[in-house]
Amino acid sequence: MQVTLDRMSRIVVPKAIRDRFALKPGDDLELTLEPDGIRLRPAVPTSPLTDEGGILVCSSAFPPSAWDVGAFLDAPRTQRSTEIGGL
């Protein structure tokens, strides 16, 4: 993924990355110099679980469809049936 420095030499962390690591405005990031570049990571490892009004909400990188076990099992079965039976 590529980002561009703006006029003030700032970068914007893309939404997909912010969502994956549950980053919010005001969160601290740790910048580390590496031999081949720069590493940027959350200063404190974040949990994908957050408390929103007394309800635990998971903000993982997996889409909600990944939690559908039935669909997960049916997809390969359907593909196999199509390949074998030509349906």
PDB file of N, CA and C in Angstrom:
ATOM      1  N   MET A   1       0.853  -1.169   0.000  1.00  0.00           N
ATOM      2  CA  MET A   1       0.000   0.000   0.000  1.00  0.00           C
ATOM      3  C   MET A   1       0.898   1.230   0.000  1.00  0.00           C
ATOM      4  N   GLN A   2       0.551   2.178  -0.784  1.00  0.00           N
ATOM      5  CA  GLN A   2       1.377   3.380  -0.925  1.00  0.00           C
ATOM      6  C   GLN A   2       0.602   4.591  -0.421  1.00  0.00           C
ATOM      7  N   VAL A   3       1.293   5.464   0.320  1.00  0.00           N
ATOM      8  CA  VAL A   3       0.709   6.725   0.773  1.00  0.00           C
ATOM      9  C   VAL A   3       1.636   7.846   0.341  1.00  0.00           C
ATOM     10  N   THR A   4       1.118   9.066   0.303  1.00  0.00           N
ATOM     11  CA  THR A   4       1.892  10.229  -0.132  1.00  0.00           C
ATOM     12  C   THR A   4       1.962  11.253   0.995  1.00  0.00           C
ATOM     13  N   LEU A   5       3.125  11.860   1.164  1.00  0.00           N
ATOM     14  CA  LEU A   5       3.263  12.946   2.130  1.00  0.00           C
ATOM     15  C   LEU A   5       2.530  14.172   1.599  1.00  0.00           C
ATOM     16  N   ASP A   6       1.809  14.879   2.488  1.00  0.00           N
ATOM     17  CA  ASP A   6       1.145  16.110   2.056  1.00  0.00           C
ATOM     18  C   ASP A   6       2.131  17.277   2.157  1.00  0.00           C
ATOM     19  N   ARG A   7       1.636  18.505   1.936  1.00  0.00           N
ATOM     20  CA  ARG A   7       2.509  19.690   1.967  1.00  0.00           C
ATOM     21  C   ARG A   7       3.204  19.874   3.303  1.00  0.00           C
ATOM     22  N   MET A   8       2.593  19.380   4.374  1.00  0.00           N
ATOM     23  CA  MET A   8       3.160  19.538   5.720  1.00  0.00           C
ATOM     24  C   MET A   8       3.966  18.304   6.136  1.00  0.00           C
ATOM     25  N   SER A   9       4.280  17.424   5.161  1.00  0.00           N
ATOM     26  CA  SER A   9       5.044  16.187   5.397  1.00  0.00           C
ATOM     27  C   SER A   9       4.315  15.200   6.302  1.00  0.00           C
ATOM     28  N   ARG A  10       2.995  15.174   6.228  1.00  0.00           N
ATOM     29  CA  ARG A  10       2.188  14.238   7.010  1.00  0.00           C
ATOM     30  C   ARG A  10       1.691  13.123   6.099  1.00  0.00           C
ATOM     31  N   ILE A  11       1.358  11.992   6.714  1.00  0.00           N
ATOM     32  CA  ILE A  11       0.722  10.915   5.963  1.00  0.00           C
ATOM     33  C   ILE A  11      -0.629  10.616   6.605  1.00  0.00           C
ATOM     34  N   VAL A  12      -1.519  10.062   5.808  1.00  0.00           N
ATOM     35  CA  VAL A  12      -2.814   9.614   6.306  1.00  0.00           C
ATOM     36  C   VAL A  12      -2.770   8.091   6.315  1.00  0.00           C
ATOM     37  N   VAL A  13      -3.101   7.498   7.458  1.00  0.00           N
ATOM     38  CA  VAL A  13      -3.160   6.042   7.547  1.00  0.00           C
ATOM     39  C   VAL A  13      -4.465   5.610   6.878  1.00  0.00           C
ATOM     40  N   PRO A  14      -4.398   4.771   5.848  1.00  0.00           N
ATOM     41  CA  PRO A  14      -5.609   4.373   5.127  1.00  0.00           C
ATOM     42  C   PRO A  14      -6.635   3.704   6.039  1.00  0.00           C
ATOM     43  N   LYS A  15      -7.910   3.880   5.704  1.00  0.00           N
ATOM     44  CA  LYS A  15      -9.006   3.377   6.517  1.00  0.00           C
ATOM     45  C   LYS A  15      -8.912   1.876   6.767  1.00  0.00           C
ATOM     46  N   ALA A  16      -8.526   1.108   5.756  1.00  0.00           N
ATOM     47  CA  ALA A  16      -8.428  -0.349   5.928  1.00  0.00           C
ATOM     48  C   ALA A  16      -7.429  -0.701   7.026  1.00  0.00           C
ATOM     49  N   ILE A  17      -6.328   0.048   7.096  1.00  0.00           N
ATOM     50  CA  ILE A  17      -5.318  -0.188   8.135  1.00  0.00           C
ATOM     51  C   ILE A  17      -5.844   0.270   9.491  1.00  0.00           C
ATOM     52  N   ARG A  18      -6.492   1.442   9.533  1.00  0.00           N
ATOM     53  CA  ARG A  18      -7.060   1.933  10.804  1.00  0.00           C
ATOM     54  C   ARG A  18      -8.077   0.935  11.337  1.00  0.00           C
ATOM     55  N   ASP A  19      -8.925   0.402  10.468  1.00  0.00           N
ATOM     56  CA  ASP A  19      -9.932  -0.568  10.894  1.00  0.00           C
ATOM     57  C   ASP A  19      -9.289  -1.853  11.396  1.00  0.00           C
ATOM     58  N   ARG A  20      -8.289  -2.331  10.672  1.00  0.00           N
ATOM     59  CA  ARG A  20      -7.644  -3.597  11.053  1.00  0.00           C
ATOM     60  C   ARG A  20      -7.030  -3.525  12.441  1.00  0.00           C
ATOM     61  N   PHE A  21      -6.436  -2.383  12.784  1.00  0.00           N
ATOM     62  CA  PHE A  21      -5.771  -2.246  14.070  1.00  0.00           C
ATOM     63  C   PHE A  21      -6.593  -1.440  15.072  1.00  0.00           C
ATOM     64  N   ALA A  22      -7.864  -1.188  14.737  1.00  0.00           N
ATOM     65  CA  ALA A  22      -8.790  -0.455  15.608  1.00  0.00           C
ATOM     66  C   ALA A  22      -8.184   0.876  16.059  1.00  0.00           C
ATOM     67  N   LEU A  23      -7.559   1.601  15.132  1.00  0.00           N
ATOM     68  CA  LEU A  23      -6.950   2.897  15.442  1.00  0.00           C
ATOM     69  C   LEU A  23      -8.004   3.995  15.387  1.00  0.00           C
ATOM     70  N   LYS A  24      -7.930   4.897  16.360  1.00  0.00           N
ATOM     71  CA  LYS A  24      -8.864   6.019  16.430  1.00  0.00           C
ATOM     72  C   LYS A  24      -8.064   7.313  16.560  1.00  0.00           C
ATOM     73  N   PRO A  25      -8.676   8.464  16.236  1.00  0.00           N
ATOM     74  CA  PRO A  25      -7.971   9.733  16.417  1.00  0.00           C
ATOM     75  C   PRO A  25      -7.440   9.857  17.846  1.00  0.00           C
ATOM     76  N   GLY A  26      -6.208  10.279  17.966  1.00  0.00           N
ATOM     77  CA  GLY A  26      -5.585  10.444  19.281  1.00  0.00           C
ATOM     78  C   GLY A  26      -4.761   9.244  19.720  1.00  0.00           C
ATOM     79  N   ASP A  27      -4.883   8.094  19.026  1.00  0.00           N
ATOM     80  CA  ASP A  27      -4.072   6.928  19.378  1.00  0.00           C
ATOM     81  C   ASP A  27      -2.604   7.220  19.083  1.00  0.00           C
ATOM     82  N   ASP A  28      -1.728   6.678  19.913  1.00  0.00           N
ATOM     83  CA  ASP A  28      -0.290   6.853  19.722  1.00  0.00           C
ATOM     84  C   ASP A  28       0.250   5.763  18.809  1.00  0.00           C
ATOM     85  N   LEU A  29       1.181   6.153  17.940  1.00  0.00           N
ATOM     86  CA  LEU A  29       1.859   5.214  17.059  1.00  0.00           C
ATOM     87  C   LEU A  29       3.349   5.265  17.348  1.00  0.00           C
ATOM     88  N   GLU A  30       4.001   4.137  17.212  1.00  0.00           N
ATOM     89  CA  GLU A  30       5.439   4.044  17.446  1.00  0.00           C
ATOM     90  C   GLU A  30       6.149   3.985  16.097  1.00  0.00           C
ATOM     91  N   LEU A  31       7.108   4.859  15.887  1.00  0.00           N
ATOM     92  CA  LEU A  31       7.874   4.908  14.653  1.00  0.00           C
ATOM     93  C   LEU A  31       9.264   4.363  14.943  1.00  0.00           C
ATOM     94  N   THR A  32       9.677   3.349  14.193  1.00  0.00           N
ATOM     95  CA  THR A  32      10.977   2.717  14.390  1.00  0.00           C
ATOM     96  C   THR A  32      11.755   2.755  13.086  1.00  0.00           C
ATOM     97  N   LEU A  33      13.014   3.155  13.166  1.00  0.00           N
ATOM     98  CA  LEU A  33      13.879   3.130  11.994  1.00  0.00           C
ATOM     99  C   LEU A  33      14.431   1.724  11.828  1.00  0.00           C
ATOM    100  N   GLU A  34      14.303   1.184  10.628  1.00  0.00           N
ATOM    101  CA  GLU A  34      14.799  -0.150  10.291  1.00  0.00           C
ATOM    102  C   GLU A  34      15.902   0.026   9.249  1.00  0.00           C
ATOM    103  N   PRO A  35      16.751  -0.965   9.050  1.00  0.00           N
ATOM    104  CA  PRO A  35      17.811  -0.830   8.052  1.00  0.00           C
ATOM    105  C   PRO A  35      17.289  -0.523   6.640  1.00  0.00           C
ATOM    106  N   ASP A  36      16.096  -1.036   6.326  1.00  0.00           N
ATOM    107  CA  ASP A  36      15.578  -0.842   4.975  1.00  0.00           C
ATOM    108  C   ASP A  36      14.365   0.075   4.911  1.00  0.00           C
ATOM    109  N   GLY A  37      14.047   0.771   6.000  1.00  0.00           N
ATOM    110  CA  GLY A  37      12.899   1.669   5.948  1.00  0.00           C
ATOM    111  C   GLY A  37      12.414   2.097   7.323  1.00  0.00           C
ATOM    112  N   ILE A  38      11.129   2.392   7.385  1.00  0.00           N
ATOM    113  CA  ILE A  38      10.490   2.896   8.598  1.00  0.00           C
ATOM    114  C   ILE A  38       9.339   1.954   8.958  1.00  0.00           C
ATOM    115  N   ARG A  39       9.233   1.614  10.223  1.00  0.00           N
ATOM    116  CA  ARG A  39       8.118   0.784  10.691  1.00  0.00           C
ATOM    117  C   ARG A  39       7.220   1.647  11.565  1.00  0.00           C
ATOM    118  N   LEU A  40       5.934   1.593  11.299  1.00  0.00           N
ATOM    119  CA  LEU A  40       4.932   2.345  12.060  1.00  0.00           C
ATOM    120  C   LEU A  40       3.962   1.326  12.638  1.00  0.00           C
ATOM    121  N   ARG A  41       3.801   1.334  13.969  1.00  0.00           N
ATOM    122  CA  ARG A  41       2.902   0.378  14.599  1.00  0.00           C
ATOM    123  C   ARG A  41       2.227   1.013  15.799  1.00  0.00           C
ATOM    124  N   PRO A  42       1.080   0.461  16.211  1.00  0.00           N
ATOM    125  CA  PRO A  42       0.406   1.004  17.395  1.00  0.00           C
ATOM    126  C   PRO A  42       1.360   0.963  18.592  1.00  0.00           C
ATOM    127  N   ALA A  43       1.358   2.006  19.401  1.00  0.00           N
ATOM    128  CA  ALA A  43       2.255   2.072  20.556  1.00  0.00           C
ATOM    129  C   ALA A  43       1.908   1.000  21.580  1.00  0.00           C
ATOM    130  N   VAL A  44       0.645   0.681  21.701  1.00  0.00           N
ATOM    131  CA  VAL A  44       0.194  -0.364  22.608  1.00  0.00           C
ATOM    132  C   VAL A  44      -0.637  -1.329  21.775  1.00  0.00           C
ATOM    133  N   PRO A  45      -0.321  -2.629  21.829  1.00  0.00           N
ATOM    134  CA  PRO A  45      -1.139  -3.556  21.056  1.00  0.00           C
ATOM    135  C   PRO A  45      -2.610  -3.389  21.424  1.00  0.00           C
ATOM    136  N   THR A  46      -3.453  -3.272  20.410  1.00  0.00           N
ATOM    137  CA  THR A  46      -4.871  -3.062  20.656  1.00  0.00           C
ATOM    138  C   THR A  46      -5.641  -4.361  20.518  1.00  0.00           C
ATOM    139  N   SER A  47      -6.676  -4.470  21.280  1.00  0.00           N
ATOM    140  CA  SER A  47      -7.557  -5.623  21.208  1.00  0.00           C
ATOM    141  C   SER A  47      -8.628  -5.339  20.164  1.00  0.00           C
ATOM    142  N   PRO A  48      -9.057  -6.363  19.426  1.00  0.00           N
ATOM    143  CA  PRO A  48     -10.142  -6.132  18.476  1.00  0.00           C
ATOM    144  C   PRO A  48     -11.485  -5.926  19.178  1.00  0.00           C
ATOM    145  N   LEU A  49     -11.525  -6.161  20.500  1.00  0.00           N
ATOM    146  CA  LEU A  49     -12.762  -5.973  21.258  1.00  0.00           C
ATOM    147  C   LEU A  49     -12.802  -4.593  21.898  1.00  0.00           C
ATOM    148  N   THR A  50     -13.917  -3.905  21.726  1.00  0.00           N
ATOM    149  CA  THR A  50     -14.119  -2.617  22.378  1.00  0.00           C
ATOM    150  C   THR A  50     -15.465  -2.633  23.078  1.00  0.00           C
ATOM    151  N   ASP A  51     -15.570  -1.888  24.138  1.00  0.00           N
ATOM    152  CA  ASP A  51     -16.813  -1.783  24.890  1.00  0.00           C
ATOM    153  C   ASP A  51     -17.582  -0.577  24.368  1.00  0.00           C
ATOM    154  N   GLU A  52     -18.720  -0.854  23.745  1.00  0.00           N
ATOM    155  CA  GLU A  52     -19.553   0.215  23.216  1.00  0.00           C
ATOM    156  C   GLU A  52     -20.915   0.158  23.899  1.00  0.00           C
ATOM    157  N   GLY A  53     -21.079   1.003  24.903  1.00  0.00           N
ATOM    158  CA  GLY A  53     -22.339   1.053  25.633  1.00  0.00           C
ATOM    159  C   GLY A  53     -22.647  -0.228  26.385  1.00  0.00           C
ATOM    160  N   GLY A  54     -21.624  -0.882  26.918  1.00  0.00           N
ATOM    161  CA  GLY A  54     -21.833  -2.106  27.683  1.00  0.00           C
ATOM    162  C   GLY A  54     -21.892  -3.363  26.833  1.00  0.00           C
ATOM    163  N   ILE A  55     -21.682  -3.223  25.524  1.00  0.00           N
ATOM    164  CA  ILE A  55     -21.695  -4.375  24.621  1.00  0.00           C
ATOM    165  C   ILE A  55     -20.311  -4.511  24.014  1.00  0.00           C
ATOM    166  N   LEU A  56     -19.748  -5.736  24.068  1.00  0.00           N
ATOM    167  CA  LEU A  56     -18.452  -5.961  23.452  1.00  0.00           C
ATOM    168  C   LEU A  56     -18.634  -6.071  21.942  1.00  0.00           C
ATOM    169  N   VAL A  57     -17.867  -5.268  21.199  1.00  0.00           N
ATOM    170  CA  VAL A  57     -17.945  -5.237  19.745  1.00  0.00           C
ATOM    171  C   VAL A  57     -16.583  -5.644  19.197  1.00  0.00           C
ATOM    172  N   CYS A  58     -16.581  -6.593  18.256  1.00  0.00           N
ATOM    173  CA  CYS A  58     -15.341  -7.046  17.633  1.00  0.00           C
ATOM    174  C   CYS A  58     -15.092  -6.238  16.371  1.00  0.00           C
ATOM    175  N   SER A  59     -13.908  -5.633  16.270  1.00  0.00           N
ATOM    176  CA  SER A  59     -13.549  -4.860  15.083  1.00  0.00           C
ATOM    177  C   SER A  59     -12.364  -5.518  14.394  1.00  0.00           C
ATOM    178  N   SER A  60     -12.488  -6.819  14.124  1.00  0.00           N
ATOM    179  CA  SER A  60     -11.384  -7.548  13.504  1.00  0.00           C
ATOM    180  C   SER A  60     -11.310  -7.274  12.010  1.00  0.00           C
ATOM    181  N   ALA A  61     -10.243  -7.763  11.405  1.00  0.00           N
ATOM    182  CA  ALA A  61     -10.045  -7.560   9.973  1.00  0.00           C
ATOM    183  C   ALA A  61     -10.932  -8.473   9.137  1.00  0.00           C
ATOM    184  N   PHE A  62     -11.570  -9.451   9.761  1.00  0.00           N
ATOM    185  CA  PHE A  62     -12.398 -10.391   9.026  1.00  0.00           C
ATOM    186  C   PHE A  62     -13.782  -9.811   8.792  1.00  0.00           C
ATOM    187  N   PRO A  63     -14.297  -9.927   7.574  1.00  0.00           N
ATOM    188  CA  PRO A  63     -15.640  -9.421   7.296  1.00  0.00           C
ATOM    189  C   PRO A  63     -16.681 -10.280   8.017  1.00  0.00           C
ATOM    190  N   PRO A  64     -17.869  -9.731   8.293  1.00  0.00           N
ATOM    191  CA  PRO A  64     -18.897 -10.504   8.979  1.00  0.00           C
ATOM    192  C   PRO A  64     -19.211 -11.832   8.293  1.00  0.00           C
ATOM    193  N   SER A  65     -19.067 -11.903   6.968  1.00  0.00           N
ATOM    194  CA  SER A  65     -19.347 -13.150   6.257  1.00  0.00           C
ATOM    195  C   SER A  65     -18.407 -14.272   6.682  1.00  0.00           C
ATOM    196  N   ALA A  66     -17.218 -13.914   7.188  1.00  0.00           N
ATOM    197  CA  ALA A  66     -16.267 -14.932   7.628  1.00  0.00           C
ATOM    198  C   ALA A  66     -16.757 -15.652   8.876  1.00  0.00           C
ATOM    199  N   TRP A  67     -17.683 -15.042   9.602  1.00  0.00           N
ATOM    200  CA  TRP A  67     -18.211 -15.647  10.813  1.00  0.00           C
ATOM    201  C   TRP A  67     -19.366 -16.597  10.515  1.00  0.00           C
ATOM    202  N   ASP A  68     -19.842 -16.647   9.265  1.00  0.00           N
ATOM    203  CA  ASP A  68     -20.947 -17.517   8.865  1.00  0.00           C
ATOM    204  C   ASP A  68     -20.377 -18.903   8.572  1.00  0.00           C
ATOM    205  N   VAL A  69     -20.407 -19.775   9.580  1.00  0.00           N
ATOM    206  CA  VAL A  69     -19.801 -21.096   9.460  1.00  0.00           C
ATOM    207  C   VAL A  69     -20.502 -21.917   8.383  1.00  0.00           C
ATOM    208  N   GLY A  70     -21.827 -21.809   8.310  1.00  0.00           N
ATOM    209  CA  GLY A  70     -22.574 -22.555   7.302  1.00  0.00           C
ATOM    210  C   GLY A  70     -22.129 -22.208   5.896  1.00  0.00           C
ATOM    211  N   ALA A  71     -21.997 -20.922   5.610  1.00  0.00           N
ATOM    212  CA  ALA A  71     -21.545 -20.479   4.288  1.00  0.00           C
ATOM    213  C   ALA A  71     -20.105 -20.921   4.042  1.00  0.00           C
ATOM    214  N   PHE A  72     -19.283 -20.895   5.095  1.00  0.00           N
ATOM    215  CA  PHE A  72     -17.892 -21.320   4.982  1.00  0.00           C
ATOM    216  C   PHE A  72     -17.811 -22.789   4.554  1.00  0.00           C
ATOM    217  N   LEU A  73     -18.676 -23.629   5.130  1.00  0.00           N
ATOM    218  CA  LEU A  73     -18.670 -25.050   4.793  1.00  0.00           C
ATOM    219  C   LEU A  73     -19.353 -25.333   3.457  1.00  0.00           C
ATOM    220  N   ASP A  74     -20.398 -24.583   3.134  1.00  0.00           N
ATOM    221  CA  ASP A  74     -21.150 -24.825   1.907  1.00  0.00           C
ATOM    222  C   ASP A  74     -20.388 -24.422   0.642  1.00  0.00           C
ATOM    223  N   ALA A  75     -19.569 -23.402   0.699  1.00  0.00           N
ATOM    224  CA  ALA A  75     -18.872 -22.918  -0.499  1.00  0.00           C
ATOM    225  C   ALA A  75     -18.009 -23.999  -1.146  1.00  0.00           C
ATOM    226  N   PRO A  76     -17.106 -24.687  -0.400  1.00  0.00           N
ATOM    227  CA  PRO A  76     -16.308 -25.742  -1.049  1.00  0.00           C
ATOM    228  C   PRO A  76     -17.171 -26.920  -1.513  1.00  0.00           C
ATOM    229  N   ARG A  77     -18.228 -27.220  -0.757  1.00  0.00           N
ATOM    230  CA  ARG A  77     -19.113 -28.324  -1.152  1.00  0.00           C
ATOM    231  C   ARG A  77     -19.799 -28.013  -2.475  1.00  0.00           C
ATOM    232  N   THR A  78     -20.278 -26.799  -2.614  1.00  0.00           N
ATOM    233  CA  THR A  78     -20.947 -26.394  -3.847  1.00  0.00           C
ATOM    234  C   THR A  78     -19.970 -26.430  -5.019  1.00  0.00           C
ATOM    235  N   GLN A  79     -18.756 -25.944  -4.789  1.00  0.00           N
ATOM    236  CA  GLN A  79     -17.750 -25.952  -5.848  1.00  0.00           C
ATOM    237  C   GLN A  79     -17.414 -27.383  -6.253  1.00  0.00           C
ATOM    238  N   ARG A  80     -17.229 -28.275  -5.270  1.00  0.00           N
ATOM    239  CA  ARG A  80     -16.924 -29.673  -5.559  1.00  0.00           C
ATOM    240  C   ARG A  80     -18.058 -30.328  -6.329  1.00  0.00           C
ATOM    241  N   SER A  81     -19.298 -30.063  -5.921  1.00  0.00           N
ATOM    242  CA  SER A  81     -20.460 -30.636  -6.621  1.00  0.00           C
ATOM    243  C   SER A  81     -20.507 -30.171  -8.067  1.00  0.00           C
ATOM    244  N   THR A  82     -20.186 -28.906  -8.286  1.00  0.00           N
ATOM    245  CA  THR A  82     -20.181 -28.363  -9.649  1.00  0.00           C
ATOM    246  C   THR A  82     -19.091 -29.040 -10.480  1.00  0.00           C
ATOM    247  N   GLU A  83     -17.915 -29.195  -9.899  1.00  0.00           N
ATOM    248  CA  GLU A  83     -16.798 -29.811 -10.627  1.00  0.00           C
ATOM    249  C   GLU A  83     -17.080 -31.272 -10.936  1.00  0.00           C
ATOM    250  N   ILE A  84     -17.635 -32.011  -9.980  1.00  0.00           N
ATOM    251  CA  ILE A  84     -17.873 -33.442 -10.151  1.00  0.00           C
ATOM    252  C   ILE A  84     -19.094 -33.713 -11.020  1.00  0.00           C
ATOM    253  N   GLY A  85     -20.196 -33.027 -10.707  1.00  0.00           N
ATOM    254  CA  GLY A  85     -21.440 -33.305 -11.405  1.00  0.00           C
ATOM    255  C   GLY A  85     -21.729 -32.422 -12.584  1.00  0.00           C
ATOM    256  N   GLY A  86     -20.934 -31.391 -12.772  1.00  0.00           N
ATOM    257  CA  GLY A  86     -21.172 -30.482 -13.872  1.00  0.00           C
ATOM    258  C   GLY A  86     -22.473 -29.681 -13.712  1.00  0.00           C
ATOM    259  N   LEU A  87     -22.894 -29.499 -12.458  1.00  0.00           N
ATOM    260  CA  LEU A  87     -24.146 -28.770 -12.187  1.00  0.00           C
ATOM    261  C   LEU A  87     -23.935 -27.294 -12.128  1.00  0.00           C
TER     262      LEU A  87
END
